[in-house]
Amino acid sequence: MLLELVFISALGSAVGAEARYFIARKALFKNIFDFSLATLFINIFGSFCLGIVISLHLTLFWQTFLGSGIVGGFTTFSTFILETVNLFQRKNKSYSIAYLVATLLISIAAFCLGRSI
């Protein structure tokens, strides 16, 4: 059972990572604010989707595939942290902190909204 869940999580992660890569490369998401709008969108939308997955009360198999797999592969905490640190080093510190706090609060709100659907 564990090996099956590892495999299905890896499969979902591949799908999520490719979706993230595709969205991050679209011209719609230019870096107009010294941080990636794509990363912001991906993390907020991913939080919303995870809220939906949790609210559906799916089997462990589907929770693993959709939640840990696709949504986990789609969202990008490491890129978010890298962008936050880069902002902190390049610009003023309050801009970096605002990006950090806004991303976290909006992502939490999106998760709650998704969970309530």
N, C-alpha and C. Protein backbone atom coordinates (compact mmCIF):
# COMPACT_ATOMS: atom_id res chain seq x y z
N MET A 1 0.82 -1.20 0.00
CA MET A 1 0.00 0.00 0.00
C MET A 1 0.86 1.26 0.00
N LEU A 2 1.91 1.30 0.83
CA LEU A 2 2.76 2.48 0.90
C LEU A 2 3.45 2.74 -0.43
N LEU A 3 3.97 1.69 -1.05
CA LEU A 3 4.65 1.84 -2.33
C LEU A 3 3.68 2.36 -3.40
N GLU A 4 2.45 1.88 -3.36
CA GLU A 4 1.43 2.37 -4.29
C GLU A 4 1.17 3.86 -4.08
N LEU A 5 1.09 4.31 -2.83
CA LEU A 5 0.86 5.72 -2.53
C LEU A 5 2.05 6.58 -2.95
N VAL A 6 3.26 6.07 -2.76
CA VAL A 6 4.46 6.79 -3.20
C VAL A 6 4.42 6.97 -4.71
N PHE A 7 4.08 5.91 -5.43
CA PHE A 7 4.03 5.97 -6.88
C PHE A 7 2.96 6.95 -7.34
N ILE A 8 1.78 6.89 -6.76
CA ILE A 8 0.69 7.76 -7.20
C ILE A 8 0.98 9.22 -6.84
N SER A 9 1.65 9.45 -5.74
CA SER A 9 2.06 10.81 -5.37
C SER A 9 3.08 11.34 -6.37
N ALA A 10 4.03 10.49 -6.76
CA ALA A 10 5.05 10.90 -7.73
C ALA A 10 4.41 11.21 -9.09
N LEU A 11 3.46 10.40 -9.48
CA LEU A 11 2.76 10.64 -10.74
C LEU A 11 2.00 11.97 -10.70
N GLY A 12 1.29 12.20 -9.62
CA GLY A 12 0.58 13.47 -9.47
C GLY A 12 1.53 14.66 -9.40
N SER A 13 2.66 14.49 -8.73
CA SER A 13 3.65 15.56 -8.64
C SER A 13 4.18 15.95 -10.01
N ALA A 14 4.39 14.97 -10.87
CA ALA A 14 4.86 15.25 -12.23
C ALA A 14 3.83 16.09 -12.99
N VAL A 15 2.56 15.75 -12.84
CA VAL A 15 1.49 16.52 -13.49
C VAL A 15 1.47 17.95 -12.95
N GLY A 16 1.52 18.09 -11.64
CA GLY A 16 1.49 19.41 -11.02
C GLY A 16 2.69 20.26 -11.38
N ALA A 17 3.86 19.67 -11.40
CA ALA A 17 5.08 20.42 -11.74
C ALA A 17 5.05 20.91 -13.17
N GLU A 18 4.54 20.09 -14.08
CA GLU A 18 4.44 20.52 -15.48
C GLU A 18 3.42 21.64 -15.64
N ALA A 19 2.33 21.57 -14.90
CA ALA A 19 1.34 22.65 -14.94
C ALA A 19 1.96 23.95 -14.42
N ARG A 20 2.74 23.86 -13.34
CA ARG A 20 3.42 25.03 -12.79
C ARG A 20 4.39 25.61 -13.81
N TYR A 21 5.17 24.76 -14.44
CA TYR A 21 6.14 25.21 -15.43
C TYR A 21 5.44 25.93 -16.57
N PHE A 22 4.34 25.38 -17.05
CA PHE A 22 3.59 25.98 -18.15
C PHE A 22 3.06 27.37 -17.75
N ILE A 23 2.46 27.47 -16.58
CA ILE A 23 1.91 28.75 -16.13
C ILE A 23 3.01 29.78 -15.90
N ALA A 24 4.11 29.36 -15.31
CA ALA A 24 5.22 30.28 -15.02
C ALA A 24 5.83 30.85 -16.30
N ARG A 25 5.70 30.17 -17.41
CA ARG A 25 6.30 30.62 -18.68
C ARG A 25 5.35 31.46 -19.53
N LYS A 26 4.11 31.60 -19.12
CA LYS A 26 3.16 32.37 -19.91
C LYS A 26 3.48 33.86 -19.80
N ALA A 27 3.30 34.57 -20.91
CA ALA A 27 3.60 36.00 -20.97
C ALA A 27 2.72 36.82 -20.04
N LEU A 28 1.57 36.29 -19.68
CA LEU A 28 0.65 36.99 -18.78
C LEU A 28 1.31 37.33 -17.45
N PHE A 29 2.27 36.51 -17.03
CA PHE A 29 2.88 36.66 -15.72
C PHE A 29 4.27 37.28 -15.81
N LYS A 30 4.34 38.50 -16.25
CA LYS A 30 5.62 39.22 -16.28
C LYS A 30 5.99 39.64 -14.86
N ASN A 31 7.27 39.80 -14.61
CA ASN A 31 7.75 40.23 -13.29
C ASN A 31 7.70 41.75 -13.20
N ILE A 32 6.51 42.29 -13.06
CA ILE A 32 6.37 43.75 -13.05
C ILE A 32 6.54 44.35 -11.66
N PHE A 33 6.55 43.54 -10.64
CA PHE A 33 6.69 44.04 -9.27
C PHE A 33 7.98 43.56 -8.61
N ASP A 34 8.96 43.15 -9.36
CA ASP A 34 10.21 42.58 -8.84
C ASP A 34 10.00 41.22 -8.18
N PHE A 35 8.87 40.63 -8.37
CA PHE A 35 8.64 39.25 -7.95
C PHE A 35 7.72 38.63 -8.99
N SER A 36 7.66 37.35 -9.01
CA SER A 36 6.90 36.64 -10.03
C SER A 36 5.41 36.60 -9.67
N LEU A 37 4.61 37.19 -10.53
CA LEU A 37 3.16 37.06 -10.35
C LEU A 37 2.73 35.62 -10.53
N ALA A 38 3.47 34.87 -11.35
CA ALA A 38 3.14 33.46 -11.55
C ALA A 38 3.26 32.69 -10.24
N THR A 39 4.34 32.92 -9.50
CA THR A 39 4.52 32.23 -8.21
C THR A 39 3.40 32.59 -7.25
N LEU A 40 3.04 33.85 -7.21
CA LEU A 40 1.95 34.30 -6.34
C LEU A 40 0.65 33.59 -6.74
N PHE A 41 0.33 33.61 -8.04
CA PHE A 41 -0.89 32.96 -8.52
C PHE A 41 -0.88 31.46 -8.23
N ILE A 42 0.23 30.81 -8.54
CA ILE A 42 0.34 29.37 -8.36
C ILE A 42 0.12 28.97 -6.91
N ASN A 43 0.72 29.68 -5.98
CA ASN A 43 0.58 29.32 -4.57
C ASN A 43 -0.82 29.62 -4.04
N ILE A 44 -1.43 30.71 -4.48
CA ILE A 44 -2.79 31.02 -4.03
C ILE A 44 -3.78 30.02 -4.64
N PHE A 45 -3.67 29.78 -5.94
CA PHE A 45 -4.58 28.84 -6.60
C PHE A 45 -4.37 27.42 -6.06
N GLY A 46 -3.13 27.05 -5.81
CA GLY A 46 -2.85 25.74 -5.23
C GLY A 46 -3.46 25.58 -3.85
N SER A 47 -3.40 26.64 -3.05
CA SER A 47 -4.02 26.60 -1.72
C SER A 47 -5.53 26.42 -1.83
N PHE A 48 -6.13 27.12 -2.78
CA PHE A 48 -7.56 26.99 -3.03
C PHE A 48 -7.91 25.55 -3.42
N CYS A 49 -7.13 25.00 -4.36
CA CYS A 49 -7.37 23.62 -4.82
C CYS A 49 -7.19 22.61 -3.69
N LEU A 50 -6.20 22.81 -2.84
CA LEU A 50 -6.00 21.90 -1.72
C LEU A 50 -7.19 21.95 -0.77
N GLY A 51 -7.72 23.14 -0.56
CA GLY A 51 -8.93 23.27 0.27
C GLY A 51 -10.08 22.45 -0.29
N ILE A 52 -10.23 22.49 -1.62
CA ILE A 52 -11.28 21.70 -2.26
C ILE A 52 -11.02 20.20 -2.07
N VAL A 53 -9.79 19.78 -2.31
CA VAL A 53 -9.44 18.36 -2.15
C VAL A 53 -9.75 17.88 -0.73
N ILE A 54 -9.38 18.67 0.25
CA ILE A 54 -9.63 18.30 1.65
C ILE A 54 -11.13 18.22 1.93
N SER A 55 -11.90 19.13 1.37
CA SER A 55 -13.34 19.17 1.66
C SER A 55 -14.11 18.01 1.03
N LEU A 56 -13.53 17.36 0.04
CA LEU A 56 -14.25 16.30 -0.66
C LEU A 56 -14.25 14.96 0.09
N HIS A 57 -13.45 14.83 1.13
CA HIS A 57 -13.39 13.60 1.92
C HIS A 57 -13.17 12.37 1.02
N LEU A 58 -12.13 12.46 0.21
CA LEU A 58 -11.80 11.39 -0.73
C LEU A 58 -11.07 10.24 -0.03
N THR A 59 -10.93 9.15 -0.74
CA THR A 59 -10.14 8.04 -0.21
C THR A 59 -8.68 8.48 -0.11
N LEU A 60 -7.90 7.74 0.64
CA LEU A 60 -6.48 8.05 0.81
C LEU A 60 -5.76 8.08 -0.54
N PHE A 61 -6.13 7.16 -1.42
CA PHE A 61 -5.53 7.10 -2.75
C PHE A 61 -5.72 8.43 -3.49
N TRP A 62 -6.95 8.93 -3.55
CA TRP A 62 -7.25 10.17 -4.28
C TRP A 62 -6.72 11.40 -3.55
N GLN A 63 -6.76 11.40 -2.23
CA GLN A 63 -6.15 12.51 -1.48
C GLN A 63 -4.66 12.61 -1.78
N THR A 64 -4.00 11.46 -1.84
CA THR A 64 -2.57 11.43 -2.11
C THR A 64 -2.28 11.90 -3.53
N PHE A 65 -3.02 11.39 -4.50
CA PHE A 65 -2.81 11.76 -5.90
C PHE A 65 -3.08 13.25 -6.12
N LEU A 66 -4.21 13.73 -5.65
CA LEU A 66 -4.60 15.12 -5.89
C LEU A 66 -3.90 16.11 -4.96
N GLY A 67 -3.88 15.81 -3.66
CA GLY A 67 -3.33 16.74 -2.68
C GLY A 67 -1.82 16.74 -2.62
N SER A 68 -1.25 15.63 -2.18
CA SER A 68 0.21 15.54 -2.09
C SER A 68 0.85 15.56 -3.47
N GLY A 69 0.20 14.91 -4.43
CA GLY A 69 0.75 14.80 -5.76
C GLY A 69 0.59 16.05 -6.59
N ILE A 70 -0.58 16.22 -7.19
CA ILE A 70 -0.77 17.32 -8.14
C ILE A 70 -0.60 18.69 -7.47
N VAL A 71 -1.32 18.93 -6.37
CA VAL A 71 -1.23 20.25 -5.73
C VAL A 71 0.17 20.46 -5.13
N GLY A 72 0.73 19.41 -4.53
CA GLY A 72 2.08 19.52 -3.97
C GLY A 72 3.12 19.80 -5.04
N GLY A 73 2.98 19.17 -6.20
CA GLY A 73 3.91 19.42 -7.30
C GLY A 73 3.67 20.76 -7.97
N PHE A 74 2.44 21.24 -7.90
CA PHE A 74 2.06 22.50 -8.54
C PHE A 74 2.56 23.71 -7.75
N THR A 75 2.35 23.69 -6.45
CA THR A 75 2.74 24.84 -5.62
C THR A 75 4.25 24.86 -5.45
N THR A 76 4.76 26.01 -5.07
CA THR A 76 6.21 26.16 -5.05
C THR A 76 6.67 27.04 -3.89
N PHE A 77 6.76 26.43 -2.74
CA PHE A 77 7.20 27.14 -1.54
C PHE A 77 8.65 27.60 -1.67
N SER A 78 9.49 26.76 -2.26
CA SER A 78 10.91 27.11 -2.37
C SER A 78 11.12 28.34 -3.26
N THR A 79 10.40 28.44 -4.36
CA THR A 79 10.52 29.62 -5.23
C THR A 79 10.00 30.85 -4.51
N PHE A 80 8.91 30.69 -3.79
CA PHE A 80 8.35 31.79 -3.00
C PHE A 80 9.39 32.32 -2.00
N ILE A 81 10.07 31.43 -1.31
CA ILE A 81 11.08 31.85 -0.34
C ILE A 81 12.26 32.52 -1.04
N LEU A 82 12.71 31.94 -2.16
CA LEU A 82 13.80 32.54 -2.92
C LEU A 82 13.46 33.96 -3.36
N GLU A 83 12.26 34.15 -3.88
CA GLU A 83 11.85 35.48 -4.32
C GLU A 83 11.75 36.45 -3.14
N THR A 84 11.29 35.97 -2.01
CA THR A 84 11.20 36.81 -0.82
C THR A 84 12.58 37.26 -0.36
N VAL A 85 13.52 36.34 -0.32
CA VAL A 85 14.90 36.67 0.08
C VAL A 85 15.54 37.61 -0.93
N ASN A 86 15.34 37.35 -2.23
CA ASN A 86 15.89 38.25 -3.25
C ASN A 86 15.33 39.66 -3.12
N LEU A 87 14.04 39.77 -2.87
CA LEU A 87 13.44 41.09 -2.65
C LEU A 87 14.07 41.77 -1.44
N PHE A 88 14.26 41.01 -0.40
CA PHE A 88 14.84 41.54 0.83
C PHE A 88 16.24 42.09 0.57
N GLN A 89 17.00 41.39 -0.26
CA GLN A 89 18.38 41.80 -0.55
C GLN A 89 18.46 42.93 -1.57
N ARG A 90 17.55 42.97 -2.54
CA ARG A 90 17.61 43.95 -3.62
C ARG A 90 16.87 45.24 -3.32
N LYS A 91 15.77 45.17 -2.67
CA LYS A 91 14.91 46.32 -2.45
C LYS A 91 14.82 46.62 -0.96
N ASN A 92 13.85 47.43 -0.60
CA ASN A 92 13.71 47.70 0.84
C ASN A 92 13.05 46.52 1.54
N LYS A 93 13.32 46.40 2.78
CA LYS A 93 12.89 45.26 3.56
C LYS A 93 11.37 45.21 3.74
N SER A 94 10.73 46.35 3.82
CA SER A 94 9.28 46.36 4.01
C SER A 94 8.55 45.79 2.79
N TYR A 95 9.09 45.99 1.60
CA TYR A 95 8.50 45.43 0.38
C TYR A 95 8.54 43.90 0.44
N SER A 96 9.65 43.35 0.87
CA SER A 96 9.81 41.91 1.00
C SER A 96 8.85 41.34 2.04
N ILE A 97 8.74 42.00 3.16
CA ILE A 97 7.85 41.54 4.23
C ILE A 97 6.39 41.62 3.78
N ALA A 98 6.04 42.66 3.04
CA ALA A 98 4.67 42.80 2.53
C ALA A 98 4.33 41.64 1.58
N TYR A 99 5.27 41.28 0.71
CA TYR A 99 5.07 40.16 -0.21
C TYR A 99 4.90 38.86 0.57
N LEU A 100 5.72 38.65 1.57
CA LEU A 100 5.66 37.46 2.40
C LEU A 100 4.31 37.35 3.11
N VAL A 101 3.92 38.40 3.78
CA VAL A 101 2.68 38.39 4.56
C VAL A 101 1.46 38.28 3.65
N ALA A 102 1.46 39.05 2.56
CA ALA A 102 0.32 39.01 1.64
C ALA A 102 0.15 37.63 1.03
N THR A 103 1.24 37.01 0.61
CA THR A 103 1.14 35.68 0.03
C THR A 103 0.59 34.68 1.04
N LEU A 104 1.09 34.72 2.24
CA LEU A 104 0.62 33.78 3.26
C LEU A 104 -0.85 34.00 3.61
N LEU A 105 -1.23 35.24 3.83
CA LEU A 105 -2.62 35.52 4.22
C LEU A 105 -3.61 35.22 3.09
N ILE A 106 -3.26 35.60 1.87
CA ILE A 106 -4.16 35.32 0.75
C ILE A 106 -4.24 33.83 0.48
N SER A 107 -3.13 33.12 0.63
CA SER A 107 -3.14 31.67 0.43
C SER A 107 -3.98 30.97 1.49
N ILE A 108 -3.90 31.42 2.72
CA ILE A 108 -4.74 30.85 3.79
C ILE A 108 -6.21 31.13 3.50
N ALA A 109 -6.53 32.33 3.09
CA ALA A 109 -7.91 32.68 2.74
C ALA A 109 -8.40 31.83 1.57
N ALA A 110 -7.55 31.63 0.56
CA ALA A 110 -7.93 30.82 -0.60
C ALA A 110 -8.17 29.36 -0.18
N PHE A 111 -7.33 28.83 0.71
CA PHE A 111 -7.53 27.47 1.21
C PHE A 111 -8.88 27.37 1.92
N CYS A 112 -9.17 28.32 2.78
CA CYS A 112 -10.44 28.31 3.52
C CYS A 112 -11.63 28.41 2.58
N LEU A 113 -11.50 29.24 1.55
CA LEU A 113 -12.57 29.36 0.57
C LEU A 113 -12.77 28.04 -0.17
N GLY A 114 -11.68 27.43 -0.60
CA GLY A 114 -11.76 26.15 -1.28
C GLY A 114 -12.37 25.07 -0.40
N ARG A 115 -12.01 25.06 0.86
CA ARG A 115 -12.52 24.06 1.79
C ARG A 115 -14.01 24.24 2.06
N SER A 116 -14.48 25.47 1.92
CA SER A 116 -15.90 25.74 2.21
C SER A 116 -16.81 25.43 1.03
N ILE A 117 -16.25 25.12 -0.11
CA ILE A 117 -17.06 24.83 -1.31
C ILE A 117 -17.63 23.43 -1.24
